[in-house]
């Protein structure tokens, strides 16, 4: 940022979801303990590998120290309700109940957490448990956690679990520990965390003007204030710019052997959070055949449009024929 907000966090990362870019970082690649923000990965792995309606029988093995949704051995709880308990009340017991319930048990679940981390490019992270309790070899970075949140928030089920402020699940009334859901306009998630070793950790997301910002702070005693400042700075310094509008005609393609040209249009709004100075650095590339034949139909895919910023591809979307 041009004017960096004074924060008390040891590590910070801010990610703009419209471009997938880290737009601010402070010690963003420093490996640190991450407490219960670990559960972002736990939830994502559970959602991708478990049936939400499956019923888990709670056992003594699922009991854990620290924050809890107060499960009892012998209780039968649906996976989706365990996920509410995991993300709203940070249930360490819910994390173990989920992890122990997939084929292969907890060790296989943790393996899947690390496989997912590798898949999305979290190069500075290692997961040893599903709940974030302090353990040797369990760590991540602020930038990796921003990348994880960015990928997790693409999942509609995940968004539902982290964006719910309160409600009754598995017979329990729960209130989300993430106070920003009620304090910041447009807040959509995501997860709090705390241990004595980690300090206060927080991953949050705010959606405004069709664009979402993710903020991560690790070891931050004043995280509610800092996230508010960081979100406002990101929104101010990287305003939303609409480059193309849904339905806009971009060019025409000649029909072979005729004097006819067929219009080509885009079926999405293309918007990015960009600094004013970056607008001149954008490059749009349109990929189309030089000509077409008469059998082409309206709304068939004609080609693609890609937008680049300093050689980084920001998006690639289909283009369509506007006439038969």
C-alpha atoms as a PDB file:
ATOM      1  CA  UNK A   1       0.000   0.000   0.000  1.00  0.00           C
ATOM      2  CA  UNK A   2       1.109   3.567  -0.593  1.00  0.00           C
ATOM      3  CA  UNK A   3       0.360   4.304   3.058  1.00  0.00           C
ATOM      4  CA  UNK A   4       0.653   1.064   5.037  1.00  0.00           C
ATOM      5  CA  UNK A   5      -1.683   0.894   8.030  1.00  0.00           C
ATOM      6  CA  UNK A   6       0.197   0.537  11.304  1.00  0.00           C
ATOM      7  CA  UNK A   7      -0.616  -2.970  12.493  1.00  0.00           C
ATOM      8  CA  UNK A   8       0.494  -4.950  15.509  1.00  0.00           C
ATOM      9  CA  UNK A   9       0.667  -8.239  13.580  1.00  0.00           C
ATOM     10  CA  UNK A  10       3.930 -10.127  13.159  1.00  0.00           C
ATOM     11  CA  UNK A  11       2.802 -11.232   9.687  1.00  0.00           C
ATOM     12  CA  UNK A  12       0.210  -9.850   7.262  1.00  0.00           C
ATOM     13  CA  UNK A  13      -1.054 -10.727   3.792  1.00  0.00           C
ATOM     14  CA  UNK A  14      -3.809  -9.038   1.778  1.00  0.00           C
ATOM     15  CA  UNK A  15      -5.171 -10.743  -1.355  1.00  0.00           C
ATOM     16  CA  UNK A  16      -7.472  -9.256  -4.003  1.00  0.00           C
ATOM     17  CA  UNK A  17      -9.762 -12.033  -5.245  1.00  0.00           C
ATOM     18  CA  UNK A  18     -10.530 -10.242  -8.540  1.00  0.00           C
ATOM     19  CA  UNK A  19      -6.934 -10.783  -9.664  1.00  0.00           C
ATOM     20  CA  UNK A  20      -5.729 -13.469  -7.239  1.00  0.00           C
ATOM     21  CA  UNK A  21      -2.820 -11.174  -6.324  1.00  0.00           C
ATOM     22  CA  UNK A  22      -1.194 -10.552  -2.974  1.00  0.00           C
ATOM     23  CA  UNK A  23      -1.404  -6.739  -2.888  1.00  0.00           C
ATOM     24  CA  UNK A  24       0.213  -6.227   0.530  1.00  0.00           C
ATOM     25  CA  UNK A  25       2.542  -8.383   2.586  1.00  0.00           C
ATOM     26  CA  UNK A  26       4.502  -7.974   5.813  1.00  0.00           C
ATOM     27  CA  UNK A  27       6.648 -11.002   6.695  1.00  0.00           C
ATOM     28  CA  UNK A  28       4.183 -12.806   4.450  1.00  0.00           C
ATOM     29  CA  UNK A  29       6.440 -15.807   3.783  1.00  0.00           C
ATOM     30  CA  UNK A  30       7.599 -16.309   7.366  1.00  0.00           C
ATOM     31  CA  UNK A  31       6.629 -19.778   8.627  1.00  0.00           C
ATOM     32  CA  UNK A  32       4.560 -19.471  11.790  1.00  0.00           C
ATOM     33  CA  UNK A  33       2.048 -21.395  13.857  1.00  0.00           C
ATOM     34  CA  UNK A  34      -1.511 -20.653  12.740  1.00  0.00           C
ATOM     35  CA  UNK A  35      -3.786 -21.972  15.523  1.00  0.00           C
ATOM     36  CA  UNK A  36      -7.405 -22.636  14.520  1.00  0.00           C
ATOM     37  CA  UNK A  37      -7.143 -20.925  11.145  1.00  0.00           C
ATOM     38  CA  UNK A  38      -5.932 -24.459  10.306  1.00  0.00           C
ATOM     39  CA  UNK A  39      -9.620 -25.355  10.216  1.00  0.00           C
ATOM     40  CA  UNK A  40     -10.022 -23.547   6.895  1.00  0.00           C
ATOM     41  CA  UNK A  41      -8.091 -26.448   5.371  1.00  0.00           C
ATOM     42  CA  UNK A  42      -9.928 -28.989   7.548  1.00  0.00           C
ATOM     43  CA  UNK A  43     -13.286 -27.711   6.319  1.00  0.00           C
ATOM     44  CA  UNK A  44     -12.229 -27.619   2.677  1.00  0.00           C
ATOM     45  CA  UNK A  45     -10.905 -31.193   2.763  1.00  0.00           C
ATOM     46  CA  UNK A  46     -14.045 -32.408   4.546  1.00  0.00           C
ATOM     47  CA  UNK A  47     -16.353 -30.668   2.065  1.00  0.00           C
ATOM     48  CA  UNK A  48     -14.485 -32.127  -0.906  1.00  0.00           C
ATOM     49  CA  UNK A  49     -14.297 -35.663   0.494  1.00  0.00           C
ATOM     50  CA  UNK A  50     -17.393 -36.236   2.645  1.00  0.00           C
ATOM     51  CA  UNK A  51     -21.167 -36.383   2.143  1.00  0.00           C
ATOM     52  CA  UNK A  52     -22.793 -33.516   4.057  1.00  0.00           C
ATOM     53  CA  UNK A  53     -25.707 -35.740   5.106  1.00  0.00           C
ATOM     54  CA  UNK A  54     -23.579 -38.590   6.440  1.00  0.00           C
ATOM     55  CA  UNK A  55     -23.944 -39.208  10.176  1.00  0.00           C
ATOM     56  CA  UNK A  56     -20.863 -39.471  12.393  1.00  0.00           C
ATOM     57  CA  UNK A  57     -21.031 -41.351  15.685  1.00  0.00           C
ATOM     58  CA  UNK A  58     -19.010 -39.424  18.270  1.00  0.00           C
ATOM     59  CA  UNK A  59     -16.451 -41.385  20.310  1.00  0.00           C
ATOM     60  CA  UNK A  60     -14.008 -40.652  23.118  1.00  0.00           C
ATOM     61  CA  UNK A  61     -11.300 -40.388  20.450  1.00  0.00           C
ATOM     62  CA  UNK A  62     -12.916 -37.160  19.230  1.00  0.00           C
ATOM     63  CA  UNK A  63     -12.645 -35.341  22.566  1.00  0.00           C
ATOM     64  CA  UNK A  64     -10.032 -32.565  22.561  1.00  0.00           C
ATOM     65  CA  UNK A  65      -8.706 -29.722  24.687  1.00  0.00           C
ATOM     66  CA  UNK A  66      -9.462 -26.097  23.926  1.00  0.00           C
ATOM     67  CA  UNK A  67     -12.425 -24.671  22.029  1.00  0.00           C
ATOM     68  CA  UNK A  68     -15.287 -27.092  21.552  1.00  0.00           C
ATOM     69  CA  UNK A  69     -18.795 -27.605  20.207  1.00  0.00           C
ATOM     70  CA  UNK A  70     -19.287 -29.867  23.245  1.00  0.00           C
ATOM     71  CA  UNK A  71     -19.812 -33.179  21.526  1.00  0.00           C
ATOM     72  CA  UNK A  72     -20.598 -36.232  23.671  1.00  0.00           C
ATOM     73  CA  UNK A  73     -19.547 -39.857  23.060  1.00  0.00           C
ATOM     74  CA  UNK A  74     -22.415 -41.804  21.522  1.00  0.00           C
ATOM     75  CA  UNK A  75     -23.983 -38.726  19.942  1.00  0.00           C
ATOM     76  CA  UNK A  76     -24.809 -38.937  16.231  1.00  0.00           C
ATOM     77  CA  UNK A  77     -24.110 -35.753  14.243  1.00  0.00           C
ATOM     78  CA  UNK A  78     -24.348 -34.985  10.540  1.00  0.00           C
ATOM     79  CA  UNK A  79     -21.176 -33.911   8.739  1.00  0.00           C
ATOM     80  CA  UNK A  80     -22.718 -30.535   7.845  1.00  0.00           C
ATOM     81  CA  UNK A  81     -23.479 -29.820  11.514  1.00  0.00           C
ATOM     82  CA  UNK A  82     -19.920 -30.747  12.479  1.00  0.00           C
ATOM     83  CA  UNK A  83     -18.751 -28.215   9.900  1.00  0.00           C
ATOM     84  CA  UNK A  84     -20.890 -25.495  11.460  1.00  0.00           C
ATOM     85  CA  UNK A  85     -19.401 -26.370  14.848  1.00  0.00           C
ATOM     86  CA  UNK A  86     -15.925 -26.409  13.319  1.00  0.00           C
ATOM     87  CA  UNK A  87     -16.118 -22.987  11.666  1.00  0.00           C
ATOM     88  CA  UNK A  88     -18.484 -21.069  13.959  1.00  0.00           C
ATOM     89  CA  UNK A  89     -17.361 -22.177  17.436  1.00  0.00           C
ATOM     90  CA  UNK A  90     -13.943 -23.519  16.388  1.00  0.00           C
ATOM     91  CA  UNK A  91     -14.707 -26.971  17.738  1.00  0.00           C
ATOM     92  CA  UNK A  92     -11.518 -28.994  18.162  1.00  0.00           C
ATOM     93  CA  UNK A  93     -13.768 -31.982  18.838  1.00  0.00           C
ATOM     94  CA  UNK A  94     -15.583 -31.377  15.528  1.00  0.00           C
ATOM     95  CA  UNK A  95     -12.233 -31.325  13.718  1.00  0.00           C
ATOM     96  CA  UNK A  96     -11.285 -34.730  15.113  1.00  0.00           C
ATOM     97  CA  UNK A  97     -14.741 -36.172  14.447  1.00  0.00           C
ATOM     98  CA  UNK A  98     -14.463 -35.155  10.794  1.00  0.00           C
ATOM     99  CA  UNK A  99     -10.859 -36.258  10.369  1.00  0.00           C
ATOM    100  CA  UNK A 100     -11.379 -39.660  11.975  1.00  0.00           C
ATOM    101  CA  UNK A 101     -14.453 -40.403   9.862  1.00  0.00           C
ATOM    102  CA  UNK A 102     -12.976 -40.645   6.375  1.00  0.00           C
ATOM    103  CA  UNK A 103     -11.541 -43.854   4.923  1.00  0.00           C
ATOM    104  CA  UNK A 104      -8.074 -44.207   6.371  1.00  0.00           C
ATOM    105  CA  UNK A 105      -8.875 -42.171   9.471  1.00  0.00           C
ATOM    106  CA  UNK A 106      -7.110 -39.123  10.862  1.00  0.00           C
ATOM    107  CA  UNK A 107      -3.709 -39.851   9.325  1.00  0.00           C
ATOM    108  CA  UNK A 108      -5.211 -40.122   5.843  1.00  0.00           C
ATOM    109  CA  UNK A 109      -7.181 -36.912   6.441  1.00  0.00           C
ATOM    110  CA  UNK A 110      -4.000 -35.043   7.394  1.00  0.00           C
ATOM    111  CA  UNK A 111      -2.317 -36.451   4.299  1.00  0.00           C
ATOM    112  CA  UNK A 112      -5.170 -35.024   2.233  1.00  0.00           C
ATOM    113  CA  UNK A 113      -4.676 -31.637   3.921  1.00  0.00           C
ATOM    114  CA  UNK A 114      -1.052 -31.592   2.798  1.00  0.00           C
ATOM    115  CA  UNK A 115      -1.952 -32.840  -0.677  1.00  0.00           C
ATOM    116  CA  UNK A 116      -4.466 -30.004  -1.011  1.00  0.00           C
ATOM    117  CA  UNK A 117      -1.866 -27.509   0.182  1.00  0.00           C
ATOM    118  CA  UNK A 118       0.534 -28.701  -2.524  1.00  0.00           C
ATOM    119  CA  UNK A 119      -2.219 -28.632  -5.156  1.00  0.00           C
ATOM    120  CA  UNK A 120      -3.042 -24.947  -4.590  1.00  0.00           C
ATOM    121  CA  UNK A 121       0.575 -23.849  -4.230  1.00  0.00           C
ATOM    122  CA  UNK A 122       0.994 -23.438  -0.451  1.00  0.00           C
ATOM    123  CA  UNK A 123       4.759 -23.928  -0.579  1.00  0.00           C
ATOM    124  CA  UNK A 124       5.524 -22.761   2.956  1.00  0.00           C
ATOM    125  CA  UNK A 125       2.989 -24.893   4.838  1.00  0.00           C
ATOM    126  CA  UNK A 126       2.875 -28.204   6.692  1.00  0.00           C
ATOM    127  CA  UNK A 127      -0.149 -29.695   8.457  1.00  0.00           C
ATOM    128  CA  UNK A 128       0.154 -32.195  11.317  1.00  0.00           C
ATOM    129  CA  UNK A 129      -3.365 -32.074  12.783  1.00  0.00           C
ATOM    130  CA  UNK A 130      -6.871 -30.940  11.774  1.00  0.00           C
ATOM    131  CA  UNK A 131      -7.546 -28.481  14.614  1.00  0.00           C
ATOM    132  CA  UNK A 132      -4.454 -26.256  14.823  1.00  0.00           C
ATOM    133  CA  UNK A 133      -3.251 -27.154  18.294  1.00  0.00           C
ATOM    134  CA  UNK A 134       0.483 -26.483  18.671  1.00  0.00           C
ATOM    135  CA  UNK A 135       2.521 -29.366  17.285  1.00  0.00           C
ATOM    136  CA  UNK A 136       6.044 -29.646  15.905  1.00  0.00           C
ATOM    137  CA  UNK A 137       5.999 -29.338  12.127  1.00  0.00           C
ATOM    138  CA  UNK A 138       2.560 -27.697  11.964  1.00  0.00           C
ATOM    139  CA  UNK A 139       2.885 -24.250  10.371  1.00  0.00           C
ATOM    140  CA  UNK A 140       2.018 -21.984   7.474  1.00  0.00           C
ATOM    141  CA  UNK A 141       2.603 -18.423   6.275  1.00  0.00           C
ATOM    142  CA  UNK A 142       0.346 -15.392   5.949  1.00  0.00           C
ATOM    143  CA  UNK A 143       0.553 -15.517   2.156  1.00  0.00           C
ATOM    144  CA  UNK A 144      -0.172 -19.256   2.066  1.00  0.00           C
ATOM    145  CA  UNK A 145      -3.218 -18.773   4.299  1.00  0.00           C
ATOM    146  CA  UNK A 146      -4.478 -16.013   2.004  1.00  0.00           C
ATOM    147  CA  UNK A 147      -4.080 -18.377  -0.945  1.00  0.00           C
ATOM    148  CA  UNK A 148      -5.945 -21.106   0.960  1.00  0.00           C
ATOM    149  CA  UNK A 149      -8.798 -18.754   1.823  1.00  0.00           C
ATOM    150  CA  UNK A 150      -8.969 -17.538  -1.791  1.00  0.00           C
ATOM    151  CA  UNK A 151      -9.425 -21.110  -3.012  1.00  0.00           C
ATOM    152  CA  UNK A 152     -11.796 -22.129  -0.214  1.00  0.00           C
ATOM    153  CA  UNK A 153     -14.113 -19.168  -0.820  1.00  0.00           C
ATOM    154  CA  UNK A 154     -14.702 -20.394  -4.377  1.00  0.00           C
ATOM    155  CA  UNK A 155     -16.669 -23.264  -2.783  1.00  0.00           C
ATOM    156  CA  UNK A 156     -20.307 -22.389  -2.119  1.00  0.00           C
ATOM    157  CA  UNK A 157     -20.649 -24.860   0.753  1.00  0.00           C
ATOM    158  CA  UNK A 158     -17.578 -23.430   2.475  1.00  0.00           C
ATOM    159  CA  UNK A 159     -18.919 -19.881   2.125  1.00  0.00           C
ATOM    160  CA  UNK A 160     -22.130 -20.950   3.854  1.00  0.00           C
ATOM    161  CA  UNK A 161     -20.329 -22.388   6.881  1.00  0.00           C
ATOM    162  CA  UNK A 162     -17.997 -19.401   7.408  1.00  0.00           C
ATOM    163  CA  UNK A 163     -20.575 -16.703   6.670  1.00  0.00           C
ATOM    164  CA  UNK A 164     -23.271 -17.832   9.118  1.00  0.00           C
ATOM    165  CA  UNK A 165     -23.473 -15.477  12.106  1.00  0.00           C
ATOM    166  CA  UNK A 166     -25.584 -17.677  14.373  1.00  0.00           C
ATOM    167  CA  UNK A 167     -28.064 -20.533  14.372  1.00  0.00           C
ATOM    168  CA  UNK A 168     -29.005 -23.879  15.854  1.00  0.00           C
ATOM    169  CA  UNK A 169     -27.107 -26.923  14.593  1.00  0.00           C
ATOM    170  CA  UNK A 170     -26.991 -30.433  16.086  1.00  0.00           C
ATOM    171  CA  UNK A 171     -29.310 -29.157  18.818  1.00  0.00           C
ATOM    172  CA  UNK A 172     -26.901 -26.382  19.845  1.00  0.00           C
ATOM    173  CA  UNK A 173     -27.281 -22.634  19.430  1.00  0.00           C
ATOM    174  CA  UNK A 174     -24.017 -21.310  18.021  1.00  0.00           C
ATOM    175  CA  UNK A 175     -22.631 -17.813  17.523  1.00  0.00           C
ATOM    176  CA  UNK A 176     -19.771 -17.302  15.117  1.00  0.00           C
ATOM    177  CA  UNK A 177     -16.521 -16.292  16.841  1.00  0.00           C
ATOM    178  CA  UNK A 178     -15.687 -14.004  13.894  1.00  0.00           C
ATOM    179  CA  UNK A 179     -16.915 -10.617  15.154  1.00  0.00           C
ATOM    180  CA  UNK A 180     -16.104  -8.954  11.830  1.00  0.00           C
ATOM    181  CA  UNK A 181     -19.219 -10.561  10.331  1.00  0.00           C
ATOM    182  CA  UNK A 182     -21.200  -7.986  12.319  1.00  0.00           C
ATOM    183  CA  UNK A 183     -18.656  -5.157  12.364  1.00  0.00           C
ATOM    184  CA  UNK A 184     -17.624  -4.671   8.726  1.00  0.00           C
ATOM    185  CA  UNK A 185     -20.001  -3.906   5.869  1.00  0.00           C
ATOM    186  CA  UNK A 186     -19.858  -6.770   3.367  1.00  0.00           C
ATOM    187  CA  UNK A 187     -17.964  -9.217   5.613  1.00  0.00           C
ATOM    188  CA  UNK A 188     -18.313 -12.797   4.316  1.00  0.00           C
ATOM    189  CA  UNK A 189     -16.011 -14.880   6.599  1.00  0.00           C
ATOM    190  CA  UNK A 190     -13.681 -16.589   7.522  1.00  0.00           C
ATOM    191  CA  UNK A 191     -11.894 -17.919  10.664  1.00  0.00           C
ATOM    192  CA  UNK A 192     -10.366 -16.928  13.991  1.00  0.00           C
ATOM    193  CA  UNK A 193      -7.589 -18.715  15.865  1.00  0.00           C
ATOM    194  CA  UNK A 194      -5.680 -18.546  19.131  1.00  0.00           C
ATOM    195  CA  UNK A 195      -3.149 -20.479  21.151  1.00  0.00           C
ATOM    196  CA  UNK A 196      -0.613 -19.185  23.680  1.00  0.00           C
ATOM    197  CA  UNK A 197       2.189 -19.913  21.210  1.00  0.00           C
ATOM    198  CA  UNK A 198       0.471 -18.559  18.084  1.00  0.00           C
ATOM    199  CA  UNK A 199      -1.199 -15.547  19.615  1.00  0.00           C
ATOM    200  CA  UNK A 200      -4.317 -14.228  17.902  1.00  0.00           C
ATOM    201  CA  UNK A 201      -4.648 -15.289  14.259  1.00  0.00           C
ATOM    202  CA  UNK A 202      -7.389 -14.149  11.918  1.00  0.00           C
ATOM    203  CA  UNK A 203      -8.382 -14.687   8.288  1.00  0.00           C
ATOM    204  CA  UNK A 204     -11.211 -12.441   7.079  1.00  0.00           C
ATOM    205  CA  UNK A 205     -12.984 -11.621   3.829  1.00  0.00           C
ATOM    206  CA  UNK A 206     -15.038  -8.632   2.698  1.00  0.00           C
ATOM    207  CA  UNK A 207     -17.125  -8.383  -0.495  1.00  0.00           C
ATOM    208  CA  UNK A 208     -17.901  -4.942  -1.943  1.00  0.00           C
ATOM    209  CA  UNK A 209     -18.696  -3.754  -5.467  1.00  0.00           C
ATOM    210  CA  UNK A 210     -18.559  -7.349  -6.680  1.00  0.00           C
ATOM    211  CA  UNK A 211     -14.941  -7.773  -5.540  1.00  0.00           C
ATOM    212  CA  UNK A 212     -13.704  -9.676  -2.474  1.00  0.00           C
ATOM    213  CA  UNK A 213     -10.639  -8.900  -0.349  1.00  0.00           C
ATOM    214  CA  UNK A 214      -8.984 -11.450   1.960  1.00  0.00           C
ATOM    215  CA  UNK A 215      -6.847 -10.322   4.907  1.00  0.00           C
ATOM    216  CA  UNK A 216      -4.627 -12.580   7.035  1.00  0.00           C
ATOM    217  CA  UNK A 217      -2.879 -11.581  10.259  1.00  0.00           C
ATOM    218  CA  UNK A 218      -0.752 -13.924  12.370  1.00  0.00           C
ATOM    219  CA  UNK A 219       0.219 -13.177  15.966  1.00  0.00           C
ATOM    220  CA  UNK A 220      -1.796  -9.965  16.179  1.00  0.00           C
ATOM    221  CA  UNK A 221      -3.070  -8.753  19.574  1.00  0.00           C
ATOM    222  CA  UNK A 222      -5.230  -6.079  17.893  1.00  0.00           C
ATOM    223  CA  UNK A 223      -6.605  -8.080  14.969  1.00  0.00           C
ATOM    224  CA  UNK A 224     -10.186  -6.727  14.807  1.00  0.00           C
ATOM    225  CA  UNK A 225      -8.887  -3.164  14.393  1.00  0.00           C
ATOM    226  CA  UNK A 226      -6.088  -4.157  12.046  1.00  0.00           C
ATOM    227  CA  UNK A 227      -8.383  -6.085   9.703  1.00  0.00           C
ATOM    228  CA  UNK A 228     -10.773  -3.147   9.520  1.00  0.00           C
ATOM    229  CA  UNK A 229      -7.879  -0.830   8.531  1.00  0.00           C
ATOM    230  CA  UNK A 230      -6.400  -3.288   6.034  1.00  0.00           C
ATOM    231  CA  UNK A 231      -9.721  -3.916   4.281  1.00  0.00           C
ATOM    232  CA  UNK A 232     -10.382  -0.185   3.976  1.00  0.00           C
ATOM    233  CA  UNK A 233      -6.887   0.426   2.613  1.00  0.00           C
ATOM    234  CA  UNK A 234      -7.247  -2.341   0.022  1.00  0.00           C
ATOM    235  CA  UNK A 235     -10.636  -1.120  -1.151  1.00  0.00           C
ATOM    236  CA  UNK A 236      -9.404   2.487  -1.383  1.00  0.00           C
ATOM    237  CA  UNK A 237      -6.075   1.831  -3.116  1.00  0.00           C
ATOM    238  CA  UNK A 238      -7.327  -0.885  -5.487  1.00  0.00           C
ATOM    239  CA  UNK A 239     -10.746   0.357  -6.678  1.00  0.00           C
ATOM    240  CA  UNK A 240     -12.850  -1.793  -8.999  1.00  0.00           C
ATOM    241  CA  UNK A 241     -12.470  -1.028 -12.712  1.00  0.00           C
ATOM    242  CA  UNK A 242     -14.881  -2.558 -15.263  1.00  0.00           C
ATOM    243  CA  UNK A 243     -12.993  -3.337 -18.473  1.00  0.00           C
ATOM    244  CA  UNK A 244     -15.798  -5.059 -20.400  1.00  0.00           C
ATOM    245  CA  UNK A 245     -19.541  -5.468 -19.877  1.00  0.00           C
ATOM    246  CA  UNK A 246     -21.671  -8.580 -20.303  1.00  0.00           C
ATOM    247  CA  UNK A 247     -23.096  -8.675 -23.828  1.00  0.00           C
ATOM    248  CA  UNK A 248     -20.532  -6.217 -25.211  1.00  0.00           C
ATOM    249  CA  UNK A 249     -19.612  -6.751 -28.887  1.00  0.00           C
ATOM    250  CA  UNK A 250     -15.812  -6.894 -29.117  1.00  0.00           C
ATOM    251  CA  UNK A 251     -15.111  -7.584 -32.789  1.00  0.00           C
ATOM    252  CA  UNK A 252     -16.388  -9.337 -35.930  1.00  0.00           C
ATOM    253  CA  UNK A 253     -15.264 -12.393 -37.896  1.00  0.00           C
ATOM    254  CA  UNK A 254     -15.704 -12.619 -41.690  1.00  0.00           C
ATOM    255  CA  UNK A 255     -17.665 -15.574 -43.089  1.00  0.00           C
ATOM    256  CA  UNK A 256     -15.610 -17.417 -45.709  1.00  0.00           C
ATOM    257  CA  UNK A 257     -16.700 -16.812 -49.323  1.00  0.00           C
ATOM    258  CA  UNK A 258     -19.114 -13.989 -48.419  1.00  0.00           C
ATOM    259  CA  UNK A 259     -19.121 -10.301 -47.619  1.00  0.00           C
ATOM    260  CA  UNK A 260     -20.743 -11.034 -44.239  1.00  0.00           C
ATOM    261  CA  UNK A 261     -19.159 -10.539 -40.812  1.00  0.00           C
ATOM    262  CA  UNK A 262     -20.459 -12.101 -37.598  1.00  0.00           C
ATOM    263  CA  UNK A 263     -20.209 -10.128 -34.313  1.00  0.00           C
ATOM    264  CA  UNK A 264     -18.446 -11.693 -31.354  1.00  0.00           C
ATOM    265  CA  UNK A 265     -19.511 -10.826 -27.798  1.00  0.00           C
ATOM    266  CA  UNK A 266     -18.480 -11.458 -24.210  1.00  0.00           C
ATOM    267  CA  UNK A 267     -20.930 -12.985 -21.730  1.00  0.00           C
ATOM    268  CA  UNK A 268     -19.328 -11.770 -18.504  1.00  0.00           C
ATOM    269  CA  UNK A 269     -18.553  -8.489 -16.819  1.00  0.00           C
ATOM    270  CA  UNK A 270     -14.770  -8.239 -16.559  1.00  0.00           C
ATOM    271  CA  UNK A 271     -13.826  -6.281 -13.439  1.00  0.00           C
ATOM    272  CA  UNK A 272     -10.575  -5.994 -11.506  1.00  0.00           C
ATOM    273  CA  UNK A 273      -9.287  -4.219  -8.435  1.00  0.00           C
ATOM    274  CA  UNK A 274      -6.417  -2.145  -9.805  1.00  0.00           C
ATOM    275  CA  UNK A 275      -4.385   0.886  -8.913  1.00  0.00           C
ATOM    276  CA  UNK A 276      -4.969   3.776 -11.301  1.00  0.00           C
ATOM    277  CA  UNK A 277      -1.339   3.488 -12.397  1.00  0.00           C
ATOM    278  CA  UNK A 278      -1.880  -0.123 -13.482  1.00  0.00           C
ATOM    279  CA  UNK A 279      -4.585   0.619 -16.036  1.00  0.00           C
ATOM    280  CA  UNK A 280      -2.007   1.519 -18.666  1.00  0.00           C
ATOM    281  CA  UNK A 281      -0.169  -1.758 -18.043  1.00  0.00           C
ATOM    282  CA  UNK A 282      -3.142  -3.937 -19.000  1.00  0.00           C
ATOM    283  CA  UNK A 283      -3.107  -5.907 -22.240  1.00  0.00           C
ATOM    284  CA  UNK A 284      -6.098  -7.682 -23.770  1.00  0.00           C
ATOM    285  CA  UNK A 285      -5.533 -10.533 -26.218  1.00  0.00           C
ATOM    286  CA  UNK A 286      -8.404 -11.953 -28.289  1.00  0.00           C
ATOM    287  CA  UNK A 287      -8.008 -15.466 -29.688  1.00  0.00           C
ATOM    288  CA  UNK A 288     -10.256 -16.088 -32.727  1.00  0.00           C
ATOM    289  CA  UNK A 289     -10.080 -17.841 -36.123  1.00  0.00           C
ATOM    290  CA  UNK A 290      -9.344 -15.556 -39.100  1.00  0.00           C
ATOM    291  CA  UNK A 291     -12.646 -16.540 -40.709  1.00  0.00           C
ATOM    292  CA  UNK A 292     -15.581 -18.923 -40.142  1.00  0.00           C
ATOM    293  CA  UNK A 293     -17.998 -21.000 -42.192  1.00  0.00           C
ATOM    294  CA  UNK A 294     -21.756 -20.722 -42.594  1.00  0.00           C
ATOM    295  CA  UNK A 295     -22.654 -23.516 -40.176  1.00  0.00           C
ATOM    296  CA  UNK A 296     -21.714 -21.498 -37.066  1.00  0.00           C
ATOM    297  CA  UNK A 297     -24.630 -20.871 -34.640  1.00  0.00           C
ATOM    298  CA  UNK A 298     -25.480 -17.930 -32.427  1.00  0.00           C
ATOM    299  CA  UNK A 299     -24.168 -18.342 -28.819  1.00  0.00           C
ATOM    300  CA  UNK A 300     -21.652 -21.000 -29.896  1.00  0.00           C
ATOM    301  CA  UNK A 301     -18.164 -20.443 -28.513  1.00  0.00           C
ATOM    302  CA  UNK A 302     -16.107 -18.391 -30.963  1.00  0.00           C
ATOM    303  CA  UNK A 303     -12.828 -18.053 -29.091  1.00  0.00           C
ATOM    304  CA  UNK A 304     -11.352 -16.552 -25.936  1.00  0.00           C
ATOM    305  CA  UNK A 305     -10.370 -13.251 -24.386  1.00  0.00           C
ATOM    306  CA  UNK A 306      -7.415 -13.010 -21.991  1.00  0.00           C
ATOM    307  CA  UNK A 307      -6.366 -10.024 -19.893  1.00  0.00           C
ATOM    308  CA  UNK A 308      -2.749  -9.623 -18.781  1.00  0.00           C
ATOM    309  CA  UNK A 309      -1.074  -7.317 -16.279  1.00  0.00           C
ATOM    310  CA  UNK A 310       2.704  -7.188 -16.654  1.00  0.00           C
ATOM    311  CA  UNK A 311       2.752 -10.704 -18.180  1.00  0.00           C
ATOM    312  CA  UNK A 312       0.492 -12.094 -15.432  1.00  0.00           C
ATOM    313  CA  UNK A 313      -2.736 -13.546 -16.816  1.00  0.00           C
ATOM    314  CA  UNK A 314      -5.613 -12.106 -14.809  1.00  0.00           C
ATOM    315  CA  UNK A 315      -8.416 -13.940 -16.581  1.00  0.00           C
ATOM    316  CA  UNK A 316      -9.364 -15.979 -19.640  1.00  0.00           C
ATOM    317  CA  UNK A 317     -13.029 -16.125 -20.656  1.00  0.00           C
ATOM    318  CA  UNK A 318     -14.951 -17.490 -23.670  1.00  0.00           C
ATOM    319  CA  UNK A 319     -16.266 -15.347 -26.508  1.00  0.00           C
ATOM    320  CA  UNK A 320     -19.463 -16.191 -28.417  1.00  0.00           C
ATOM    321  CA  UNK A 321     -20.989 -15.655 -31.850  1.00  0.00           C
ATOM    322  CA  UNK A 322     -23.681 -12.951 -31.854  1.00  0.00           C
ATOM    323  CA  UNK A 323     -25.605 -14.271 -34.928  1.00  0.00           C
ATOM    324  CA  UNK A 324     -26.222 -17.451 -36.891  1.00  0.00           C
END
